[in-house]
Structures are given as C-alpha cells and as structure tokens.
Amino acid sequence: MYVAPFPNPHEKWQISSAGGLWPRWRADGKEIFYLALDNKLMAASVNDHGTSFETLAVRALFQTRPVIRGTWPFDVSPDGQRFLVNTIVEAPTLSTAERGPAPITLVVNWAALFNK
C-alpha cells in the first residue's frame, strides 16, 4: 500500500509491503490505519516533512472479522484511539438462518434525555 500527494501524485511512498485495504487517516495526519490482507487492523505512524514523507512504525492493533459490503468496514475516531468495526457476530447455538440480522440500537438527541 502506498500514499501519494494530492492533487499531483508525482511521488508515492510505501506504507505496507504486504498490501492493505480501506485506509483511514487520523485527524492530525500522524497515523494511517488500514485493514491488512489477514484482516488485522493496522496502524502506521508517519512523518510528513512537506516535500518528503516517511513511515516510522507499523503495528498490528487487533484482529477483525469485517463485513465488507461496498462501504468502509471500519472507522476511526479523530484521535485514533477508538474504532467502529462492522464485524461478524456469532451465536454458536443458532444457525445463520435462525440468527437473522444483528440488532442495533441508535439513540438520537440523547442530550435531551438528561432534562427528563
């Protein structure tokens, strides 16, 4: 996996020699997160010197079982400390047909609940 400047990609710099997919930048540009081909979520610390770029360290964060259906399988908080991963959840006693889709709870306008 490589990074290149935008809009004139005259140079590119290698981030991963083993490949990677779905890159996401930390908000301050000091890290790039990506999904390795073995489904590990990776973090690469980088240093941008304006005209040059270097990868400082690459490390595996955790193993995932992502669901990839045409959209990003994960997202990262601006500080790079929290991740939201669309992942497979197993219920070992139920078949796939019995399980159905996993439930999700979304609370909107949650601050208004404090006034009650």
PDB file of N, CA and C in Angstrom:
ATOM      1  N   MET A   1       0.839  -1.153   0.000  1.00  0.00           N
ATOM      2  CA  MET A   1       0.000   0.000   0.000  1.00  0.00           C
ATOM      3  C   MET A   1       0.897   1.233   0.000  1.00  0.00           C
ATOM      4  N   TYR A   2       0.472   2.255  -0.723  1.00  0.00           N
ATOM      5  CA  TYR A   2       1.256   3.474  -0.881  1.00  0.00           C
ATOM      6  C   TYR A   2       0.399   4.702  -0.563  1.00  0.00           C
ATOM      7  N   VAL A   3       1.054   5.804  -0.239  1.00  0.00           N
ATOM      8  CA  VAL A   3       0.399   7.111  -0.160  1.00  0.00           C
ATOM      9  C   VAL A   3       1.060   8.010  -1.189  1.00  0.00           C
ATOM     10  N   ALA A   4       0.273   8.977  -1.676  1.00  0.00           N
ATOM     11  CA  ALA A   4       0.781   9.919  -2.663  1.00  0.00           C
ATOM     12  C   ALA A   4       0.142  11.275  -2.388  1.00  0.00           C
ATOM     13  N   PRO A   5       0.824  12.364  -2.724  1.00  0.00           N
ATOM     14  CA  PRO A   5       0.230  13.691  -2.508  1.00  0.00           C
ATOM     15  C   PRO A   5      -0.936  13.936  -3.464  1.00  0.00           C
ATOM     16  N   PHE A   6      -1.831  14.809  -3.050  1.00  0.00           N
ATOM     17  CA  PHE A   6      -2.982  15.165  -3.871  1.00  0.00           C
ATOM     18  C   PHE A   6      -2.948  16.668  -4.105  1.00  0.00           C
ATOM     19  N   PRO A   7      -3.186  17.176  -5.237  1.00  0.00           N
ATOM     20  CA  PRO A   7      -3.725  16.542  -6.437  1.00  0.00           C
ATOM     21  C   PRO A   7      -2.654  16.102  -7.441  1.00  0.00           C
ATOM     22  N   ASN A   8      -1.388  16.319  -7.158  1.00  0.00           N
ATOM     23  CA  ASN A   8      -0.331  15.951  -8.101  1.00  0.00           C
ATOM     24  C   ASN A   8       0.487  14.781  -7.556  1.00  0.00           C
ATOM     25  N   PRO A   9       0.067  13.560  -7.827  1.00  0.00           N
ATOM     26  CA  PRO A   9       0.767  12.393  -7.269  1.00  0.00           C
ATOM     27  C   PRO A   9       2.069  12.086  -8.017  1.00  0.00           C
ATOM     28  N   HIS A  10       3.023  13.005  -7.949  1.00  0.00           N
ATOM     29  CA  HIS A  10       4.284  12.818  -8.665  1.00  0.00           C
ATOM     30  C   HIS A  10       5.209  11.842  -7.938  1.00  0.00           C
ATOM     31  N   GLU A  11       5.007  11.645  -6.651  1.00  0.00           N
ATOM     32  CA  GLU A  11       5.779  10.670  -5.883  1.00  0.00           C
ATOM     33  C   GLU A  11       4.811   9.824  -5.084  1.00  0.00           C
ATOM     34  N   LYS A  12       5.265   8.642  -4.667  1.00  0.00           N
ATOM     35  CA  LYS A  12       4.477   7.826  -3.754  1.00  0.00           C
ATOM     36  C   LYS A  12       5.425   7.167  -2.764  1.00  0.00           C
ATOM     37  N   TRP A  13       4.891   6.907  -1.570  1.00  0.00           N
ATOM     38  CA  TRP A  13       5.686   6.301  -0.501  1.00  0.00           C
ATOM     39  C   TRP A  13       4.988   5.056   0.004  1.00  0.00           C
ATOM     40  N   GLN A  14       5.774   4.016   0.212  1.00  0.00           N
ATOM     41  CA  GLN A  14       5.228   2.731   0.631  1.00  0.00           C
ATOM     42  C   GLN A  14       4.897   2.737   2.120  1.00  0.00           C
ATOM     43  N   ILE A  15       3.696   2.279   2.436  1.00  0.00           N
ATOM     44  CA  ILE A  15       3.249   2.131   3.820  1.00  0.00           C
ATOM     45  C   ILE A  15       3.337   0.669   4.242  1.00  0.00           C
ATOM     46  N   SER A  16       2.904  -0.239   3.371  1.00  0.00           N
ATOM     47  CA  SER A  16       2.869  -1.666   3.691  1.00  0.00           C
ATOM     48  C   SER A  16       3.442  -2.473   2.542  1.00  0.00           C
ATOM     49  N   SER A  17       4.359  -3.362   2.860  1.00  0.00           N
ATOM     50  CA  SER A  17       4.908  -4.247   1.825  1.00  0.00           C
ATOM     51  C   SER A  17       4.035  -5.480   1.625  1.00  0.00           C
ATOM     52  N   ALA A  18       3.098  -5.717   2.548  1.00  0.00           N
ATOM     53  CA  ALA A  18       2.236  -6.899   2.470  1.00  0.00           C
ATOM     54  C   ALA A  18       0.835  -6.554   1.980  1.00  0.00           C
ATOM     55  N   GLY A  19       0.645  -5.344   1.489  1.00  0.00           N
ATOM     56  CA  GLY A  19      -0.665  -4.941   0.996  1.00  0.00           C
ATOM     57  C   GLY A  19      -1.550  -4.413   2.111  1.00  0.00           C
ATOM     58  N   GLY A  20      -2.676  -3.871   1.729  1.00  0.00           N
ATOM     59  CA  GLY A  20      -3.629  -3.338   2.681  1.00  0.00           C
ATOM     60  C   GLY A  20      -4.796  -2.697   1.950  1.00  0.00           C
ATOM     61  N   LEU A  21      -5.907  -2.573   2.657  1.00  0.00           N
ATOM     62  CA  LEU A  21      -7.137  -2.038   2.082  1.00  0.00           C
ATOM     63  C   LEU A  21      -7.778  -1.050   3.035  1.00  0.00           C
ATOM     64  N   TRP A  22      -8.673  -0.238   2.529  1.00  0.00           N
ATOM     65  CA  TRP A  22      -9.536   0.640   3.310  1.00  0.00           C
ATOM     66  C   TRP A  22      -8.761   1.605   4.216  1.00  0.00           C
ATOM     67  N   PRO A  23      -7.819   2.369   3.701  1.00  0.00           N
ATOM     68  CA  PRO A  23      -7.043   3.283   4.550  1.00  0.00           C
ATOM     69  C   PRO A  23      -7.884   4.425   5.110  1.00  0.00           C
ATOM     70  N   ARG A  24      -7.575   4.804   6.349  1.00  0.00           N
ATOM     71  CA  ARG A  24      -8.219   5.928   7.032  1.00  0.00           C
ATOM     72  C   ARG A  24      -7.138   6.709   7.768  1.00  0.00           C
ATOM     73  N   TRP A  25      -7.143   8.022   7.660  1.00  0.00           N
ATOM     74  CA  TRP A  25      -6.161   8.867   8.327  1.00  0.00           C
ATOM     75  C   TRP A  25      -6.652   9.278   9.704  1.00  0.00           C
ATOM     76  N   ARG A  26      -5.743   9.371  10.656  1.00  0.00           N
ATOM     77  CA  ARG A  26      -6.041  10.040  11.923  1.00  0.00           C
ATOM     78  C   ARG A  26      -6.188  11.525  11.597  1.00  0.00           C
ATOM     79  N   ALA A  27      -7.010  12.241  12.341  1.00  0.00           N
ATOM     80  CA  ALA A  27      -7.338  13.634  12.009  1.00  0.00           C
ATOM     81  C   ALA A  27      -6.114  14.529  11.897  1.00  0.00           C
ATOM     82  N   ASP A  28      -5.069  14.300  12.695  1.00  0.00           N
ATOM     83  CA  ASP A  28      -3.874  15.153  12.635  1.00  0.00           C
ATOM     84  C   ASP A  28      -2.868  14.703  11.583  1.00  0.00           C
ATOM     85  N   GLY A  29      -3.164  13.616  10.846  1.00  0.00           N
ATOM     86  CA  GLY A  29      -2.299  13.157   9.770  1.00  0.00           C
ATOM     87  C   GLY A  29      -1.046  12.429  10.223  1.00  0.00           C
ATOM     88  N   LYS A  30      -0.948  12.073  11.498  1.00  0.00           N
ATOM     89  CA  LYS A  30       0.258  11.419  12.008  1.00  0.00           C
ATOM     90  C   LYS A  30       0.194   9.899  11.969  1.00  0.00           C
ATOM     91  N   GLU A  31      -0.981   9.354  11.647  1.00  0.00           N
ATOM     92  CA  GLU A  31      -1.131   7.910  11.540  1.00  0.00           C
ATOM     93  C   GLU A  31      -2.115   7.600  10.429  1.00  0.00           C
ATOM     94  N   ILE A  32      -1.886   6.468   9.789  1.00  0.00           N
ATOM     95  CA  ILE A  32      -2.840   5.941   8.822  1.00  0.00           C
ATOM     96  C   ILE A  32      -3.202   4.537   9.286  1.00  0.00           C
ATOM     97  N   PHE A  33      -4.488   4.234   9.267  1.00  0.00           N
ATOM     98  CA  PHE A  33      -4.988   2.930   9.690  1.00  0.00           C
ATOM     99  C   PHE A  33      -5.484   2.214   8.444  1.00  0.00           C
ATOM    100  N   TYR A  34      -5.289   0.922   8.399  1.00  0.00           N
ATOM    101  CA  TYR A  34      -5.760   0.159   7.246  1.00  0.00           C
ATOM    102  C   TYR A  34      -6.007  -1.279   7.654  1.00  0.00           C
ATOM    103  N   LEU A  35      -6.711  -1.985   6.807  1.00  0.00           N
ATOM    104  CA  LEU A  35      -7.019  -3.390   7.027  1.00  0.00           C
ATOM    105  C   LEU A  35      -6.017  -4.222   6.238  1.00  0.00           C
ATOM    106  N   ALA A  36      -5.218  -5.020   6.957  1.00  0.00           N
ATOM    107  CA  ALA A  36      -4.255  -5.899   6.296  1.00  0.00           C
ATOM    108  C   ALA A  36      -5.006  -7.039   5.611  1.00  0.00           C
ATOM    109  N   LEU A  37      -4.334  -7.734   4.720  1.00  0.00           N
ATOM    110  CA  LEU A  37      -4.975  -8.806   3.967  1.00  0.00           C
ATOM    111  C   LEU A  37      -5.393  -9.971   4.852  1.00  0.00           C
ATOM    112  N   ASP A  38      -4.809 -10.098   6.054  1.00  0.00           N
ATOM    113  CA  ASP A  38      -5.209 -11.146   7.002  1.00  0.00           C
ATOM    114  C   ASP A  38      -6.258 -10.636   7.996  1.00  0.00           C
ATOM    115  N   ASN A  39      -6.885  -9.483   7.688  1.00  0.00           N
ATOM    116  CA  ASN A  39      -7.956  -8.855   8.473  1.00  0.00           C
ATOM    117  C   ASN A  39      -7.503  -8.292   9.817  1.00  0.00           C
ATOM    118  N   LYS A  40      -6.224  -8.007   9.969  1.00  0.00           N
ATOM    119  CA  LYS A  40      -5.764  -7.290  11.159  1.00  0.00           C
ATOM    120  C   LYS A  40      -5.882  -5.801  10.870  1.00  0.00           C
ATOM    121  N   LEU A  41      -6.353  -5.053  11.867  1.00  0.00           N
ATOM    122  CA  LEU A  41      -6.370  -3.607  11.735  1.00  0.00           C
ATOM    123  C   LEU A  41      -4.983  -3.106  12.089  1.00  0.00           C
ATOM    124  N   MET A  42      -4.382  -2.362  11.180  1.00  0.00           N
ATOM    125  CA  MET A  42      -3.002  -1.919  11.317  1.00  0.00           C
ATOM    126  C   MET A  42      -2.948  -0.408  11.514  1.00  0.00           C
ATOM    127  N   ALA A  43      -1.865   0.050  12.167  1.00  0.00           N
ATOM    128  CA  ALA A  43      -1.607   1.476  12.341  1.00  0.00           C
ATOM    129  C   ALA A  43      -0.183   1.750  11.887  1.00  0.00           C
ATOM    130  N   ALA A  44      -0.018   2.738  11.036  1.00  0.00           N
ATOM    131  CA  ALA A  44       1.307   3.141  10.573  1.00  0.00           C
ATOM    132  C   ALA A  44       1.533   4.587  11.000  1.00  0.00           C
ATOM    133  N   SER A  45       2.527   4.798  11.859  1.00  0.00           N
ATOM    134  CA  SER A  45       2.913   6.153  12.246  1.00  0.00           C
ATOM    135  C   SER A  45       3.727   6.743  11.113  1.00  0.00           C
ATOM    136  N   VAL A  46       3.418   7.979  10.756  1.00  0.00           N
ATOM    137  CA  VAL A  46       4.086   8.607   9.617  1.00  0.00           C
ATOM    138  C   VAL A  46       4.564   9.998   9.994  1.00  0.00           C
ATOM    139  N   ASN A  47       5.512  10.496   9.208  1.00  0.00           N
ATOM    140  CA  ASN A  47       6.047  11.825   9.397  1.00  0.00           C
ATOM    141  C   ASN A  47       6.082  12.515   8.041  1.00  0.00           C
ATOM    142  N   ASP A  48       5.398  13.636   7.943  1.00  0.00           N
ATOM    143  CA  ASP A  48       5.324  14.399   6.699  1.00  0.00           C
ATOM    144  C   ASP A  48       6.186  15.645   6.861  1.00  0.00           C
ATOM    145  N   HIS A  49       7.220  15.750   6.036  1.00  0.00           N
ATOM    146  CA  HIS A  49       8.143  16.886   6.110  1.00  0.00           C
ATOM    147  C   HIS A  49       7.867  17.901   5.001  1.00  0.00           C
ATOM    148  N   GLY A  50       6.650  17.952   4.510  1.00  0.00           N
ATOM    149  CA  GLY A  50       6.311  18.881   3.431  1.00  0.00           C
ATOM    150  C   GLY A  50       6.609  18.280   2.076  1.00  0.00           C
ATOM    151  N   THR A  51       7.890  18.167   1.709  1.00  0.00           N
ATOM    152  CA  THR A  51       8.250  17.597   0.408  1.00  0.00           C
ATOM    153  C   THR A  51       8.649  16.135   0.515  1.00  0.00           C
ATOM    154  N   SER A  52       8.832  15.624   1.731  1.00  0.00           N
ATOM    155  CA  SER A  52       9.165  14.210   1.900  1.00  0.00           C
ATOM    156  C   SER A  52       8.216  13.581   2.901  1.00  0.00           C
ATOM    157  N   PHE A  53       8.259  12.286   2.952  1.00  0.00           N
ATOM    158  CA  PHE A  53       7.319  11.527   3.765  1.00  0.00           C
ATOM    159  C   PHE A  53       8.038  10.271   4.215  1.00  0.00           C
ATOM    160  N   GLU A  54       7.824   9.861   5.465  1.00  0.00           N
ATOM    161  CA  GLU A  54       8.426   8.606   5.908  1.00  0.00           C
ATOM    162  C   GLU A  54       7.481   7.854   6.827  1.00  0.00           C
ATOM    163  N   THR A  55       7.531   6.538   6.736  1.00  0.00           N
ATOM    164  CA  THR A  55       6.795   5.661   7.632  1.00  0.00           C
ATOM    165  C   THR A  55       7.701   5.351   8.806  1.00  0.00           C
ATOM    166  N   LEU A  56       7.251   5.679  10.016  1.00  0.00           N
ATOM    167  CA  LEU A  56       8.079   5.495  11.203  1.00  0.00           C
ATOM    168  C   LEU A  56       7.925   4.098  11.800  1.00  0.00           C
ATOM    169  N   ALA A  57       6.704   3.634  11.981  1.00  0.00           N
ATOM    170  CA  ALA A  57       6.454   2.323  12.579  1.00  0.00           C
ATOM    171  C   ALA A  57       5.102   1.812  12.113  1.00  0.00           C
ATOM    172  N   VAL A  58       5.020   0.524  11.887  1.00  0.00           N
ATOM    173  CA  VAL A  58       3.762  -0.127  11.521  1.00  0.00           C
ATOM    174  C   VAL A  58       3.507  -1.211  12.550  1.00  0.00           C
ATOM    175  N   ARG A  59       2.278  -1.223  13.103  1.00  0.00           N
ATOM    176  CA  ARG A  59       1.973  -2.244  14.108  1.00  0.00           C
ATOM    177  C   ARG A  59       0.543  -2.740  13.928  1.00  0.00           C
ATOM    178  N   ALA A  60       0.342  -3.993  14.302  1.00  0.00           N
ATOM    179  CA  ALA A  60      -0.992  -4.579  14.290  1.00  0.00           C
ATOM    180  C   ALA A  60      -1.716  -4.144  15.556  1.00  0.00           C
ATOM    181  N   LEU A  61      -2.958  -3.689  15.414  1.00  0.00           N
ATOM    182  CA  LEU A  61      -3.746  -3.270  16.570  1.00  0.00           C
ATOM    183  C   LEU A  61      -4.599  -4.408  17.107  1.00  0.00           C
ATOM    184  N   PHE A  62      -5.387  -5.036  16.232  1.00  0.00           N
ATOM    185  CA  PHE A  62      -6.212  -6.169  16.652  1.00  0.00           C
ATOM    186  C   PHE A  62      -6.745  -6.894  15.423  1.00  0.00           C
ATOM    187  N   GLN A  63      -7.151  -8.138  15.645  1.00  0.00           N
ATOM    188  CA  GLN A  63      -7.729  -8.977  14.600  1.00  0.00           C
ATOM    189  C   GLN A  63      -9.202  -8.613  14.443  1.00  0.00           C
ATOM    190  N   THR A  64      -9.695  -8.589  13.218  1.00  0.00           N
ATOM    191  CA  THR A  64     -11.109  -8.304  12.959  1.00  0.00           C
ATOM    192  C   THR A  64     -11.707  -9.413  12.111  1.00  0.00           C
ATOM    193  N   ARG A  65     -13.018  -9.422  12.054  1.00  0.00           N
ATOM    194  CA  ARG A  65     -13.761 -10.257  11.110  1.00  0.00           C
ATOM    195  C   ARG A  65     -14.737  -9.324  10.407  1.00  0.00           C
ATOM    196  N   PRO A  66     -14.213  -8.475   9.514  1.00  0.00           N
ATOM    197  CA  PRO A  66     -15.046  -7.410   8.951  1.00  0.00           C
ATOM    198  C   PRO A  66     -16.104  -7.910   7.979  1.00  0.00           C
ATOM    199  N   VAL A  67     -17.189  -7.164   7.951  1.00  0.00           N
ATOM    200  CA  VAL A  67     -18.223  -7.354   6.945  1.00  0.00           C
ATOM    201  C   VAL A  67     -17.965  -6.275   5.904  1.00  0.00           C
ATOM    202  N   ILE A  68     -17.668  -6.693   4.687  1.00  0.00           N
ATOM    203  CA  ILE A  68     -17.361  -5.741   3.621  1.00  0.00           C
ATOM    204  C   ILE A  68     -18.445  -5.869   2.558  1.00  0.00           C
ATOM    205  N   ARG A  69     -19.250  -4.815   2.477  1.00  0.00           N
ATOM    206  CA  ARG A  69     -20.360  -4.813   1.519  1.00  0.00           C
ATOM    207  C   ARG A  69     -20.389  -3.511   0.742  1.00  0.00           C
ATOM    208  N   GLY A  70     -19.258  -3.111   0.200  1.00  0.00           N
ATOM    209  CA  GLY A  70     -19.218  -1.917  -0.626  1.00  0.00           C
ATOM    210  C   GLY A  70     -19.010  -0.621   0.131  1.00  0.00           C
ATOM    211  N   THR A  71     -18.960  -0.662   1.446  1.00  0.00           N
ATOM    212  CA  THR A  71     -18.693   0.530   2.245  1.00  0.00           C
ATOM    213  C   THR A  71     -17.510   0.243   3.160  1.00  0.00           C
ATOM    214  N   TRP A  72     -16.999   1.275   3.803  1.00  0.00           N
ATOM    215  CA  TRP A  72     -15.863   1.097   4.708  1.00  0.00           C
ATOM    216  C   TRP A  72     -16.233   0.111   5.807  1.00  0.00           C
ATOM    217  N   PRO A  73     -15.391  -0.894   6.064  1.00  0.00           N
ATOM    218  CA  PRO A  73     -15.693  -1.850   7.132  1.00  0.00           C
ATOM    219  C   PRO A  73     -15.319  -1.325   8.521  1.00  0.00           C
ATOM    220  N   PHE A  74     -14.639  -0.175   8.583  1.00  0.00           N
ATOM    221  CA  PHE A  74     -14.301   0.392   9.889  1.00  0.00           C
ATOM    222  C   PHE A  74     -14.149   1.905   9.775  1.00  0.00           C
ATOM    223  N   ASP A  75     -14.208   2.550  10.927  1.00  0.00           N
ATOM    224  CA  ASP A  75     -13.913   3.978  11.009  1.00  0.00           C
ATOM    225  C   ASP A  75     -13.127   4.205  12.291  1.00  0.00           C
ATOM    226  N   VAL A  76     -12.462   5.332  12.363  1.00  0.00           N
ATOM    227  CA  VAL A  76     -11.592   5.644  13.494  1.00  0.00           C
ATOM    228  C   VAL A  76     -11.946   7.027  14.030  1.00  0.00           C
ATOM    229  N   SER A  77     -11.849   7.185  15.345  1.00  0.00           N
ATOM    230  CA  SER A  77     -12.109   8.494  15.952  1.00  0.00           C
ATOM    231  C   SER A  77     -11.001   9.463  15.550  1.00  0.00           C
ATOM    232  N   PRO A  78     -11.253  10.766  15.629  1.00  0.00           N
ATOM    233  CA  PRO A  78     -10.242  11.750  15.222  1.00  0.00           C
ATOM    234  C   PRO A  78      -8.895  11.591  15.928  1.00  0.00           C
ATOM    235  N   ASP A  79      -8.906  11.145  17.199  1.00  0.00           N
ATOM    236  CA  ASP A  79      -7.646  10.984  17.940  1.00  0.00           C
ATOM    237  C   ASP A  79      -6.991   9.624  17.719  1.00  0.00           C
ATOM    238  N   GLY A  80      -7.623   8.738  16.949  1.00  0.00           N
ATOM    239  CA  GLY A  80      -7.048   7.434  16.649  1.00  0.00           C
ATOM    240  C   GLY A  80      -7.096   6.449  17.797  1.00  0.00           C
ATOM    241  N   GLN A  81      -7.931   6.694  18.804  1.00  0.00           N
ATOM    242  CA  GLN A  81      -7.970   5.828  19.984  1.00  0.00           C
ATOM    243  C   GLN A  81      -9.169   4.880  20.016  1.00  0.00           C
ATOM    244  N   ARG A  82     -10.193   5.141  19.218  1.00  0.00           N
ATOM    245  CA  ARG A  82     -11.393   4.309  19.221  1.00  0.00           C
ATOM    246  C   ARG A  82     -11.760   3.943  17.782  1.00  0.00           C
ATOM    247  N   PHE A  83     -12.306   2.738  17.639  1.00  0.00           N
ATOM    248  CA  PHE A  83     -12.655   2.225  16.324  1.00  0.00           C
ATOM    249  C   PHE A  83     -14.072   1.690  16.328  1.00  0.00           C
ATOM    250  N   LEU A  84     -14.740   1.857  15.222  1.00  0.00           N
ATOM    251  CA  LEU A  84     -16.039   1.266  14.987  1.00  0.00           C
ATOM    252  C   LEU A  84     -15.839   0.301  13.825  1.00  0.00           C
ATOM    253  N   VAL A  85     -16.087  -0.985  14.072  1.00  0.00           N
ATOM    254  CA  VAL A  85     -15.827  -2.012  13.061  1.00  0.00           C
ATOM    255  C   VAL A  85     -17.117  -2.760  12.771  1.00  0.00           C
ATOM    256  N   ASN A  86     -17.482  -2.824  11.504  1.00  0.00           N
ATOM    257  CA  ASN A  86     -18.607  -3.642  11.078  1.00  0.00           C
ATOM    258  C   ASN A  86     -18.092  -5.069  11.029  1.00  0.00           C
ATOM    259  N   THR A  87     -18.505  -5.880  11.994  1.00  0.00           N
ATOM    260  CA  THR A  87     -17.909  -7.198  12.143  1.00  0.00           C
ATOM    261  C   THR A  87     -18.962  -8.294  12.234  1.00  0.00           C
ATOM    262  N   ILE A  88     -18.537  -9.501  12.051  1.00  0.00           N
ATOM    263  CA  ILE A  88     -19.407 -10.664  12.144  1.00  0.00           C
ATOM    264  C   ILE A  88     -19.528 -11.052  13.618  1.00  0.00           C
ATOM    265  N   VAL A  89     -20.763 -11.227  14.074  1.00  0.00           N
ATOM    266  CA  VAL A  89     -21.021 -11.671  15.440  1.00  0.00           C
ATOM    267  C   VAL A  89     -21.628 -13.054  15.346  1.00  0.00           C
ATOM    268  N   GLU A  90     -21.077 -13.971  16.090  1.00  0.00           N
ATOM    269  CA  GLU A  90     -21.571 -15.345  16.022  1.00  0.00           C
ATOM    270  C   GLU A  90     -22.410 -15.692  17.237  1.00  0.00           C
ATOM    271  N   ALA A  91     -23.474 -16.432  17.003  1.00  0.00           N
ATOM    272  CA  ALA A  91     -24.263 -17.049  18.060  1.00  0.00           C
ATOM    273  C   ALA A  91     -24.101 -18.553  17.854  1.00  0.00           C
ATOM    274  N   PRO A  92     -23.233 -19.204  18.608  1.00  0.00           N
ATOM    275  CA  PRO A  92     -22.854 -20.588  18.323  1.00  0.00           C
ATOM    276  C   PRO A  92     -23.992 -21.598  18.377  1.00  0.00           C
ATOM    277  N   THR A  93     -25.088 -21.295  19.086  1.00  0.00           N
ATOM    278  CA  THR A  93     -26.172 -22.268  19.188  1.00  0.00           C
ATOM    279  C   THR A  93     -27.209 -22.121  18.087  1.00  0.00           C
ATOM    280  N   LEU A  94     -27.134 -21.061  17.304  1.00  0.00           N
ATOM    281  CA  LEU A  94     -28.124 -20.834  16.261  1.00  0.00           C
ATOM    282  C   LEU A  94     -27.493 -20.931  14.881  1.00  0.00           C
ATOM    283  N   SER A  95     -28.274 -21.401  13.922  1.00  0.00           N
ATOM    284  CA  SER A  95     -27.804 -21.411  12.543  1.00  0.00           C
ATOM    285  C   SER A  95     -27.901 -19.996  11.982  1.00  0.00           C
ATOM    286  N   THR A  96     -27.294 -19.772  10.845  1.00  0.00           N
ATOM    287  CA  THR A  96     -27.337 -18.459  10.206  1.00  0.00           C
ATOM    288  C   THR A  96     -28.779 -18.049   9.910  1.00  0.00           C
ATOM    289  N   ALA A  97     -29.595 -18.974   9.459  1.00  0.00           N
ATOM    290  CA  ALA A  97     -30.989 -18.665   9.138  1.00  0.00           C
ATOM    291  C   ALA A  97     -31.777 -18.299  10.392  1.00  0.00           C
ATOM    292  N   GLU A  98     -31.490 -18.951  11.526  1.00  0.00           N
ATOM    293  CA  GLU A  98     -32.205 -18.662  12.772  1.00  0.00           C
ATOM    294  C   GLU A  98     -31.783 -17.335  13.389  1.00  0.00           C
ATOM    295  N   ARG A  99     -30.525 -16.958  13.192  1.00  0.00           N
ATOM    296  CA  ARG A  99     -29.988 -15.742  13.796  1.00  0.00           C
ATOM    297  C   ARG A  99     -30.614 -14.486  13.230  1.00  0.00           C
ATOM    298  N   GLY A 100     -30.671 -14.380  11.927  1.00  0.00           N
ATOM    299  CA  GLY A 100     -31.146 -13.155  11.293  1.00  0.00           C
ATOM    300  C   GLY A 100     -30.146 -12.038  11.493  1.00  0.00           C
ATOM    301  N   PRO A 101     -30.515 -10.826  11.127  1.00  0.00           N
ATOM    302  CA  PRO A 101     -29.570  -9.707  11.277  1.00  0.00           C
ATOM    303  C   PRO A 101     -29.364  -9.355  12.748  1.00  0.00           C
ATOM    304  N   ALA A 102     -28.167  -8.905  13.069  1.00  0.00           N
ATOM    305  CA  ALA A 102     -27.856  -8.490  14.437  1.00  0.00           C
ATOM    306  C   ALA A 102     -28.567  -7.177  14.738  1.00  0.00           C
ATOM    307  N   PRO A 103     -29.122  -7.032  15.954  1.00  0.00           N
ATOM    308  CA  PRO A 103     -29.816  -5.783  16.285  1.00  0.00           C
ATOM    309  C   PRO A 103     -28.828  -4.653  16.542  1.00  0.00           C
ATOM    310  N   ILE A 104     -29.305  -3.441  16.343  1.00  0.00           N
ATOM    311  CA  ILE A 104     -28.511  -2.261  16.647  1.00  0.00           C
ATOM    312  C   ILE A 104     -29.443  -1.234  17.307  1.00  0.00           C
ATOM    313  N   THR A 105     -28.937  -0.563  18.318  1.00  0.00           N
ATOM    314  CA  THR A 105     -29.709   0.473  18.993  1.00  0.00           C
ATOM    315  C   THR A 105     -29.052   1.816  18.711  1.00  0.00           C
ATOM    316  N   LEU A 106     -29.811   2.745  18.221  1.00  0.00           N
ATOM    317  CA  LEU A 106     -29.316   4.079  17.918  1.00  0.00           C
ATOM    318  C   LEU A 106     -30.133   5.073  18.729  1.00  0.00           C
ATOM    319  N   VAL A 107     -29.464   5.828  19.580  1.00  0.00           N
ATOM    320  CA  VAL A 107     -30.131   6.845  20.390  1.00  0.00           C
ATOM    321  C   VAL A 107     -29.812   8.203  19.784  1.00  0.00           C
ATOM    322  N   VAL A 108     -30.855   8.914  19.356  1.00  0.00           N
ATOM    323  CA  VAL A 108     -30.669  10.247  18.804  1.00  0.00           C
ATOM    324  C   VAL A 108     -31.143  11.275  19.820  1.00  0.00           C
ATOM    325  N   ASN A 109     -30.571  12.450  19.755  1.00  0.00           N
ATOM    326  CA  ASN A 109     -30.919  13.533  20.668  1.00  0.00           C
ATOM    327  C   ASN A 109     -30.780  13.082  22.128  1.00  0.00           C
ATOM    328  N   TRP A 110     -29.735  12.340  22.417  1.00  0.00           N
ATOM    329  CA  TRP A 110     -29.547  11.757  23.750  1.00  0.00           C
ATOM    330  C   TRP A 110     -29.365  12.818  24.831  1.00  0.00           C
ATOM    331  N   ALA A 111     -28.872  13.994  24.481  1.00  0.00           N
ATOM    332  CA  ALA A 111     -28.686  15.052  25.471  1.00  0.00           C
ATOM    333  C   ALA A 111     -30.023  15.493  26.061  1.00  0.00           C
ATOM    334  N   ALA A 112     -31.098  15.413  25.279  1.00  0.00           N
ATOM    335  CA  ALA A 112     -32.428  15.796  25.768  1.00  0.00           C
ATOM    336  C   ALA A 112     -32.917  14.861  26.860  1.00  0.00           C
ATOM    337  N   LEU A 113     -32.398  13.641  26.918  1.00  0.00           N
ATOM    338  CA  LEU A 113     -32.793  12.690  27.960  1.00  0.00           C
ATOM    339  C   LEU A 113     -32.358  13.149  29.343  1.00  0.00           C
ATOM    340  N   PHE A 114     -31.322  13.972  29.433  1.00  0.00           N
ATOM    341  CA  PHE A 114     -30.846  14.455  30.722  1.00  0.00           C
ATOM    342  C   PHE A 114     -31.816  15.435  31.355  1.00  0.00           C
ATOM    343  N   ASN A 115     -32.635  16.079  30.565  1.00  0.00           N
ATOM    344  CA  ASN A 115     -33.593  17.068  31.072  1.00  0.00           C
ATOM    345  C   ASN A 115     -34.851  16.437  31.634  1.00  0.00           C
ATOM    346  N   LYS A 116     -35.021  15.139  31.453  1.00  0.00           N
ATOM    347  CA  LYS A 116     -36.239  14.462  31.934  1.00  0.00           C
ATOM    348  C   LYS A 116     -36.088  14.018  33.365  1.00  0.00           C
TER     349      LYS A 116
END
